[in-house]
């Protein structure tokens, strides 16, 4: 199937394609006469790449960092609609935590498609276009006391201890939080960009003539953000 093909491809690239990556990057530098680029690598979303073949992906990451001297950060996008169902939300948290541990990179988790789950004008704060939330939308960005989710999950005795153990694991690690992304709001997009560029260090060495990445510009944006709700 397609997932199996992706697993094969990522393993093949790791084992035989690293020099091909080096050559393609060198071609870019020669074509445009620029020694440094801002690279965006769009990886497939299949979770198997970060579990079954995490060693291959980590090997590629290591090659980019140590051999090509590229500073990397991971941006992991999770759909906001997972907030509607506690079980799916917890699954998303586990996926994020697994990617953070496997890739060993500065990591930004982004709660995407906030524009599709934003509160409707005629509904109260707990209702969304995808269904009713059990908590405030902002709570899902950095969830405290996750045991509160258990009461909204299927009450089957044989899964009770498992669910409690998963919640305890997530609370003990306490590494997963989200930056909201509403693609319809410029401030929200720039806020994500600011977090990413701080994670990869670009704001400290980038082209200061470019206002979007300029440190003072980002700091000014941060000062203007009065409420996280403005980013939804």
C-alpha atoms as a PDB file:
ATOM      1  CA  UNK A   1       0.000   0.000   0.000  1.00  0.00           C
ATOM      2  CA  UNK A   2       0.977   3.694  -0.116  1.00  0.00           C
ATOM      3  CA  UNK A   3       2.251   3.734   3.476  1.00  0.00           C
ATOM      4  CA  UNK A   4       4.507   0.769   2.780  1.00  0.00           C
ATOM      5  CA  UNK A   5       5.841   2.533  -0.317  1.00  0.00           C
ATOM      6  CA  UNK A   6       6.680   5.621   1.757  1.00  0.00           C
ATOM      7  CA  UNK A   7       8.516   3.500   4.311  1.00  0.00           C
ATOM      8  CA  UNK A   8      10.539   1.901   1.522  1.00  0.00           C
ATOM      9  CA  UNK A   9      11.338   5.268  -0.054  1.00  0.00           C
ATOM     10  CA  UNK A  10      12.542   6.917   3.166  1.00  0.00           C
ATOM     11  CA  UNK A  11      14.748   3.907   3.889  1.00  0.00           C
ATOM     12  CA  UNK A  12      16.082   3.936   0.312  1.00  0.00           C
ATOM     13  CA  UNK A  13      16.945   7.643   0.521  1.00  0.00           C
ATOM     14  CA  UNK A  14      18.751   7.099   3.805  1.00  0.00           C
ATOM     15  CA  UNK A  15      20.760   4.161   2.481  1.00  0.00           C
ATOM     16  CA  UNK A  16      21.558   5.333  -1.062  1.00  0.00           C
ATOM     17  CA  UNK A  17      20.322   8.882  -1.656  1.00  0.00           C
ATOM     18  CA  UNK A  18      22.245  11.143   0.720  1.00  0.00           C
ATOM     19  CA  UNK A  19      24.830  12.125  -1.878  1.00  0.00           C
ATOM     20  CA  UNK A  20      21.984  12.817  -4.308  1.00  0.00           C
ATOM     21  CA  UNK A  21      20.628  15.329  -1.771  1.00  0.00           C
ATOM     22  CA  UNK A  22      24.070  16.935  -1.498  1.00  0.00           C
ATOM     23  CA  UNK A  23      24.291  17.268  -5.296  1.00  0.00           C
ATOM     24  CA  UNK A  24      20.819  18.810  -5.630  1.00  0.00           C
ATOM     25  CA  UNK A  25      21.583  21.410  -2.957  1.00  0.00           C
ATOM     26  CA  UNK A  26      24.896  22.233  -4.605  1.00  0.00           C
ATOM     27  CA  UNK A  27      23.090  22.701  -7.927  1.00  0.00           C
ATOM     28  CA  UNK A  28      20.755  25.220  -6.289  1.00  0.00           C
ATOM     29  CA  UNK A  29      23.674  27.202  -4.924  1.00  0.00           C
ATOM     30  CA  UNK A  30      25.394  27.284  -8.303  1.00  0.00           C
ATOM     31  CA  UNK A  31      22.224  28.134 -10.227  1.00  0.00           C
ATOM     32  CA  UNK A  32      21.305  31.144  -8.107  1.00  0.00           C
ATOM     33  CA  UNK A  33      24.767  32.140  -6.956  1.00  0.00           C
ATOM     34  CA  UNK A  34      23.675  32.044  -3.311  1.00  0.00           C
ATOM     35  CA  UNK A  35      25.611  30.169  -0.648  1.00  0.00           C
ATOM     36  CA  UNK A  36      22.780  29.939   1.897  1.00  0.00           C
ATOM     37  CA  UNK A  37      19.100  29.118   1.508  1.00  0.00           C
ATOM     38  CA  UNK A  38      16.050  28.867   3.750  1.00  0.00           C
ATOM     39  CA  UNK A  39      14.963  25.290   3.143  1.00  0.00           C
ATOM     40  CA  UNK A  40      11.422  24.011   3.700  1.00  0.00           C
ATOM     41  CA  UNK A  41      11.151  20.213   3.585  1.00  0.00           C
ATOM     42  CA  UNK A  42       7.556  19.024   3.353  1.00  0.00           C
ATOM     43  CA  UNK A  43       7.454  15.521   4.839  1.00  0.00           C
ATOM     44  CA  UNK A  44       4.533  13.103   4.420  1.00  0.00           C
ATOM     45  CA  UNK A  45       2.094  13.023   7.297  1.00  0.00           C
ATOM     46  CA  UNK A  46       2.025   9.241   7.712  1.00  0.00           C
ATOM     47  CA  UNK A  47       2.937   8.517  11.331  1.00  0.00           C
ATOM     48  CA  UNK A  48       4.797   5.331  10.339  1.00  0.00           C
ATOM     49  CA  UNK A  49       7.689   7.463   9.103  1.00  0.00           C
ATOM     50  CA  UNK A  50       8.275   8.690  12.652  1.00  0.00           C
ATOM     51  CA  UNK A  51       7.748   5.308  14.338  1.00  0.00           C
ATOM     52  CA  UNK A  52       8.593   2.339  12.085  1.00  0.00           C
ATOM     53  CA  UNK A  53      11.308   4.148  10.127  1.00  0.00           C
ATOM     54  CA  UNK A  54      12.316   6.857  12.567  1.00  0.00           C
ATOM     55  CA  UNK A  55      15.939   5.678  12.348  1.00  0.00           C
ATOM     56  CA  UNK A  56      16.030   6.388   8.603  1.00  0.00           C
ATOM     57  CA  UNK A  57      14.484   9.829   8.970  1.00  0.00           C
ATOM     58  CA  UNK A  58      16.784  10.631  11.874  1.00  0.00           C
ATOM     59  CA  UNK A  59      19.734   9.552   9.706  1.00  0.00           C
ATOM     60  CA  UNK A  60      18.707  11.980   6.966  1.00  0.00           C
ATOM     61  CA  UNK A  61      18.295  14.747   9.536  1.00  0.00           C
ATOM     62  CA  UNK A  62      21.753  13.994  10.933  1.00  0.00           C
ATOM     63  CA  UNK A  63      23.253  14.141   7.426  1.00  0.00           C
ATOM     64  CA  UNK A  64      21.687  17.555   6.748  1.00  0.00           C
ATOM     65  CA  UNK A  65      22.970  18.902  10.054  1.00  0.00           C
ATOM     66  CA  UNK A  66      26.446  17.401  10.298  1.00  0.00           C
ATOM     67  CA  UNK A  67      27.470  17.050   6.650  1.00  0.00           C
ATOM     68  CA  UNK A  68      25.679  19.983   5.010  1.00  0.00           C
ATOM     69  CA  UNK A  69      25.669  22.212   8.115  1.00  0.00           C
ATOM     70  CA  UNK A  70      21.971  23.071   7.803  1.00  0.00           C
ATOM     71  CA  UNK A  71      20.252  24.215  10.987  1.00  0.00           C
ATOM     72  CA  UNK A  72      16.883  22.489  11.279  1.00  0.00           C
ATOM     73  CA  UNK A  73      13.672  22.744  13.248  1.00  0.00           C
ATOM     74  CA  UNK A  74      10.647  20.458  13.032  1.00  0.00           C
ATOM     75  CA  UNK A  75       7.181  21.942  12.498  1.00  0.00           C
ATOM     76  CA  UNK A  76       4.472  19.378  13.220  1.00  0.00           C
ATOM     77  CA  UNK A  77       0.929  20.280  12.096  1.00  0.00           C
ATOM     78  CA  UNK A  78      -2.098  18.768  13.840  1.00  0.00           C
ATOM     79  CA  UNK A  79      -5.680  19.455  12.707  1.00  0.00           C
ATOM     80  CA  UNK A  80      -7.720  21.446  15.225  1.00  0.00           C
ATOM     81  CA  UNK A  81     -10.743  19.206  14.663  1.00  0.00           C
ATOM     82  CA  UNK A  82      -9.065  16.543  16.854  1.00  0.00           C
ATOM     83  CA  UNK A  83      -9.994  18.718  19.826  1.00  0.00           C
ATOM     84  CA  UNK A  84     -13.631  17.697  19.422  1.00  0.00           C
ATOM     85  CA  UNK A  85     -12.936  14.067  20.384  1.00  0.00           C
ATOM     86  CA  UNK A  86     -10.770  13.529  23.506  1.00  0.00           C
ATOM     87  CA  UNK A  87      -9.471  10.140  22.315  1.00  0.00           C
ATOM     88  CA  UNK A  88      -8.259  11.611  19.020  1.00  0.00           C
ATOM     89  CA  UNK A  89      -6.774  14.606  20.816  1.00  0.00           C
ATOM     90  CA  UNK A  90      -4.793  12.311  23.133  1.00  0.00           C
ATOM     91  CA  UNK A  91      -3.675  10.297  20.109  1.00  0.00           C
ATOM     92  CA  UNK A  92      -2.444  13.513  18.484  1.00  0.00           C
ATOM     93  CA  UNK A  93      -0.497  14.385  21.642  1.00  0.00           C
ATOM     94  CA  UNK A  94       1.184  10.964  21.583  1.00  0.00           C
ATOM     95  CA  UNK A  95       2.082  11.416  17.920  1.00  0.00           C
ATOM     96  CA  UNK A  96       3.623  14.823  18.651  1.00  0.00           C
ATOM     97  CA  UNK A  97       5.589  13.486  21.607  1.00  0.00           C
ATOM     98  CA  UNK A  98       6.859  10.554  19.558  1.00  0.00           C
ATOM     99  CA  UNK A  99       8.062  12.854  16.765  1.00  0.00           C
ATOM    100  CA  UNK A 100       9.808  15.145  19.260  1.00  0.00           C
ATOM    101  CA  UNK A 101      11.672  12.234  20.828  1.00  0.00           C
ATOM    102  CA  UNK A 102      12.466  10.471  17.540  1.00  0.00           C
ATOM    103  CA  UNK A 103      13.780  13.415  15.527  1.00  0.00           C
ATOM    104  CA  UNK A 104      15.727  15.109  18.347  1.00  0.00           C
ATOM    105  CA  UNK A 105      15.184  18.562  16.821  1.00  0.00           C
ATOM    106  CA  UNK A 106      13.904  21.909  18.058  1.00  0.00           C
ATOM    107  CA  UNK A 107      10.194  21.262  17.717  1.00  0.00           C
ATOM    108  CA  UNK A 108       7.123  23.418  17.105  1.00  0.00           C
ATOM    109  CA  UNK A 109       3.679  21.797  17.271  1.00  0.00           C
ATOM    110  CA  UNK A 110       1.114  23.791  15.313  1.00  0.00           C
ATOM    111  CA  UNK A 111      -2.644  23.462  15.794  1.00  0.00           C
ATOM    112  CA  UNK A 112      -3.684  24.115  12.204  1.00  0.00           C
ATOM    113  CA  UNK A 113      -7.034  24.844  10.540  1.00  0.00           C
ATOM    114  CA  UNK A 114      -8.165  27.018  13.420  1.00  0.00           C
ATOM    115  CA  UNK A 115     -10.197  28.961  10.868  1.00  0.00           C
ATOM    116  CA  UNK A 116     -12.365  25.860  10.324  1.00  0.00           C
ATOM    117  CA  UNK A 117     -13.000  25.244  14.002  1.00  0.00           C
ATOM    118  CA  UNK A 118     -13.382  28.865  15.100  1.00  0.00           C
ATOM    119  CA  UNK A 119     -16.382  29.712  17.225  1.00  0.00           C
ATOM    120  CA  UNK A 120     -19.579  30.480  15.341  1.00  0.00           C
ATOM    121  CA  UNK A 121     -21.185  33.832  16.113  1.00  0.00           C
ATOM    122  CA  UNK A 122     -24.472  32.322  17.264  1.00  0.00           C
ATOM    123  CA  UNK A 123     -22.953  29.622  19.484  1.00  0.00           C
ATOM    124  CA  UNK A 124     -21.448  29.774  22.944  1.00  0.00           C
ATOM    125  CA  UNK A 125     -17.731  29.424  23.654  1.00  0.00           C
ATOM    126  CA  UNK A 126     -17.764  25.611  23.850  1.00  0.00           C
ATOM    127  CA  UNK A 127     -19.378  25.060  20.417  1.00  0.00           C
ATOM    128  CA  UNK A 128     -17.531  24.833  17.110  1.00  0.00           C
ATOM    129  CA  UNK A 129     -18.393  24.099  13.514  1.00  0.00           C
ATOM    130  CA  UNK A 130     -17.153  20.530  14.021  1.00  0.00           C
ATOM    131  CA  UNK A 131     -19.126  19.863  17.185  1.00  0.00           C
ATOM    132  CA  UNK A 132     -19.092  20.674  20.862  1.00  0.00           C
ATOM    133  CA  UNK A 133     -15.837  21.049  22.769  1.00  0.00           C
ATOM    134  CA  UNK A 134     -15.561  19.799  26.324  1.00  0.00           C
ATOM    135  CA  UNK A 135     -13.278  22.683  27.294  1.00  0.00           C
ATOM    136  CA  UNK A 136     -12.338  26.111  26.025  1.00  0.00           C
ATOM    137  CA  UNK A 137     -10.509  26.083  22.704  1.00  0.00           C
ATOM    138  CA  UNK A 138      -7.461  27.786  24.214  1.00  0.00           C
ATOM    139  CA  UNK A 139      -7.164  24.968  26.784  1.00  0.00           C
ATOM    140  CA  UNK A 140      -6.228  22.519  24.046  1.00  0.00           C
ATOM    141  CA  UNK A 141      -3.096  24.493  23.167  1.00  0.00           C
ATOM    142  CA  UNK A 142      -1.430  23.554  26.448  1.00  0.00           C
ATOM    143  CA  UNK A 143      -3.622  21.182  28.395  1.00  0.00           C
ATOM    144  CA  UNK A 144      -3.190  21.130  32.165  1.00  0.00           C
ATOM    145  CA  UNK A 145      -4.629  18.406  34.398  1.00  0.00           C
ATOM    146  CA  UNK A 146      -5.340  16.052  31.518  1.00  0.00           C
ATOM    147  CA  UNK A 147      -7.198  13.620  33.788  1.00  0.00           C
ATOM    148  CA  UNK A 148     -10.207  15.876  33.150  1.00  0.00           C
ATOM    149  CA  UNK A 149     -10.403  14.321  29.685  1.00  0.00           C
ATOM    150  CA  UNK A 150     -11.084  10.842  31.032  1.00  0.00           C
ATOM    151  CA  UNK A 151     -14.713  11.572  31.895  1.00  0.00           C
ATOM    152  CA  UNK A 152     -15.438  12.311  28.231  1.00  0.00           C
ATOM    153  CA  UNK A 153     -13.873   9.116  26.890  1.00  0.00           C
ATOM    154  CA  UNK A 154     -15.672   5.766  26.364  1.00  0.00           C
ATOM    155  CA  UNK A 155     -16.243   4.263  29.804  1.00  0.00           C
ATOM    156  CA  UNK A 156     -15.123   0.687  29.226  1.00  0.00           C
ATOM    157  CA  UNK A 157     -13.595  -0.938  32.283  1.00  0.00           C
ATOM    158  CA  UNK A 158     -10.938  -2.859  30.359  1.00  0.00           C
ATOM    159  CA  UNK A 159      -9.522   0.419  28.962  1.00  0.00           C
ATOM    160  CA  UNK A 160      -9.628   2.451  32.162  1.00  0.00           C
ATOM    161  CA  UNK A 161      -6.108   1.650  33.383  1.00  0.00           C
ATOM    162  CA  UNK A 162      -4.689   2.032  29.871  1.00  0.00           C
ATOM    163  CA  UNK A 163      -6.252   5.487  29.445  1.00  0.00           C
ATOM    164  CA  UNK A 164      -5.039   6.570  32.878  1.00  0.00           C
ATOM    165  CA  UNK A 165      -1.512   5.356  32.104  1.00  0.00           C
ATOM    166  CA  UNK A 166      -1.416   7.259  28.804  1.00  0.00           C
ATOM    167  CA  UNK A 167      -2.608  10.436  30.524  1.00  0.00           C
ATOM    168  CA  UNK A 168       0.022   9.982  33.231  1.00  0.00           C
ATOM    169  CA  UNK A 169       2.727   9.508  30.591  1.00  0.00           C
ATOM    170  CA  UNK A 170       1.783  12.717  28.804  1.00  0.00           C
ATOM    171  CA  UNK A 171       1.603  14.693  32.035  1.00  0.00           C
ATOM    172  CA  UNK A 172       4.957  13.378  33.255  1.00  0.00           C
ATOM    173  CA  UNK A 173       6.709  14.358  30.023  1.00  0.00           C
ATOM    174  CA  UNK A 174       4.776  17.622  29.720  1.00  0.00           C
ATOM    175  CA  UNK A 175       6.570  18.515  26.483  1.00  0.00           C
ATOM    176  CA  UNK A 176       3.649  19.002  24.107  1.00  0.00           C
ATOM    177  CA  UNK A 177       2.011  22.364  23.512  1.00  0.00           C
ATOM    178  CA  UNK A 178       0.638  24.009  20.391  1.00  0.00           C
ATOM    179  CA  UNK A 179       0.912  27.270  18.498  1.00  0.00           C
ATOM    180  CA  UNK A 180      -2.478  28.122  16.901  1.00  0.00           C
ATOM    181  CA  UNK A 181      -2.641  28.720  13.146  1.00  0.00           C
ATOM    182  CA  UNK A 182      -5.540  30.474  11.440  1.00  0.00           C
ATOM    183  CA  UNK A 183      -4.482  30.837   7.818  1.00  0.00           C
ATOM    184  CA  UNK A 184      -7.029  33.634   7.367  1.00  0.00           C
ATOM    185  CA  UNK A 185      -5.273  35.885   9.912  1.00  0.00           C
ATOM    186  CA  UNK A 186      -1.918  37.453   9.076  1.00  0.00           C
ATOM    187  CA  UNK A 187      -1.005  37.878  12.754  1.00  0.00           C
ATOM    188  CA  UNK A 188      -1.554  34.154  13.333  1.00  0.00           C
ATOM    189  CA  UNK A 189       0.668  33.155  10.399  1.00  0.00           C
ATOM    190  CA  UNK A 190       3.421  35.552  11.476  1.00  0.00           C
ATOM    191  CA  UNK A 191       3.190  34.263  15.029  1.00  0.00           C
ATOM    192  CA  UNK A 192       3.887  30.715  13.806  1.00  0.00           C
ATOM    193  CA  UNK A 193       6.731  32.037  11.661  1.00  0.00           C
ATOM    194  CA  UNK A 194       8.230  33.811  14.664  1.00  0.00           C
ATOM    195  CA  UNK A 195       8.205  30.609  16.725  1.00  0.00           C
ATOM    196  CA  UNK A 196       9.775  28.608  13.897  1.00  0.00           C
ATOM    197  CA  UNK A 197      12.507  31.141  13.234  1.00  0.00           C
ATOM    198  CA  UNK A 198      13.382  31.308  16.910  1.00  0.00           C
ATOM    199  CA  UNK A 199      13.564  27.502  17.005  1.00  0.00           C
ATOM    200  CA  UNK A 200      15.925  27.257  14.024  1.00  0.00           C
ATOM    201  CA  UNK A 201      17.875  30.388  14.943  1.00  0.00           C
ATOM    202  CA  UNK A 202      17.181  32.200  11.678  1.00  0.00           C
ATOM    203  CA  UNK A 203      16.108  35.450  13.339  1.00  0.00           C
ATOM    204  CA  UNK A 204      19.581  35.742  14.847  1.00  0.00           C
ATOM    205  CA  UNK A 205      21.515  35.334  11.584  1.00  0.00           C
ATOM    206  CA  UNK A 206      19.017  36.063   8.789  1.00  0.00           C
ATOM    207  CA  UNK A 207      18.889  38.938   6.341  1.00  0.00           C
ATOM    208  CA  UNK A 208      17.999  41.966   8.447  1.00  0.00           C
ATOM    209  CA  UNK A 209      16.755  43.723   5.345  1.00  0.00           C
ATOM    210  CA  UNK A 210      13.852  41.280   5.199  1.00  0.00           C
ATOM    211  CA  UNK A 211      11.192  42.717   7.517  1.00  0.00           C
ATOM    212  CA  UNK A 212       9.293  39.447   7.868  1.00  0.00           C
ATOM    213  CA  UNK A 213      12.249  37.707   9.514  1.00  0.00           C
ATOM    214  CA  UNK A 214      13.781  40.717  11.218  1.00  0.00           C
ATOM    215  CA  UNK A 215      14.197  40.297  14.991  1.00  0.00           C
ATOM    216  CA  UNK A 216      12.850  43.729  15.879  1.00  0.00           C
ATOM    217  CA  UNK A 217       9.825  43.157  13.661  1.00  0.00           C
ATOM    218  CA  UNK A 218       9.080  39.865  15.405  1.00  0.00           C
ATOM    219  CA  UNK A 219       9.542  41.402  18.836  1.00  0.00           C
ATOM    220  CA  UNK A 220       7.140  44.196  17.923  1.00  0.00           C
ATOM    221  CA  UNK A 221       4.591  41.636  16.767  1.00  0.00           C
ATOM    222  CA  UNK A 222       4.942  39.770  20.062  1.00  0.00           C
ATOM    223  CA  UNK A 223       4.327  42.966  22.038  1.00  0.00           C
ATOM    224  CA  UNK A 224       1.173  43.664  20.061  1.00  0.00           C
ATOM    225  CA  UNK A 225      -0.364  40.255  20.825  1.00  0.00           C
ATOM    226  CA  UNK A 226      -2.702  40.988  23.723  1.00  0.00           C
ATOM    227  CA  UNK A 227      -4.700  37.769  23.768  1.00  0.00           C
ATOM    228  CA  UNK A 228      -4.175  34.296  22.319  1.00  0.00           C
ATOM    229  CA  UNK A 229      -7.784  34.407  21.073  1.00  0.00           C
ATOM    230  CA  UNK A 230      -6.686  37.000  18.508  1.00  0.00           C
ATOM    231  CA  UNK A 231      -4.670  34.240  16.807  1.00  0.00           C
ATOM    232  CA  UNK A 232      -7.651  31.896  16.301  1.00  0.00           C
END
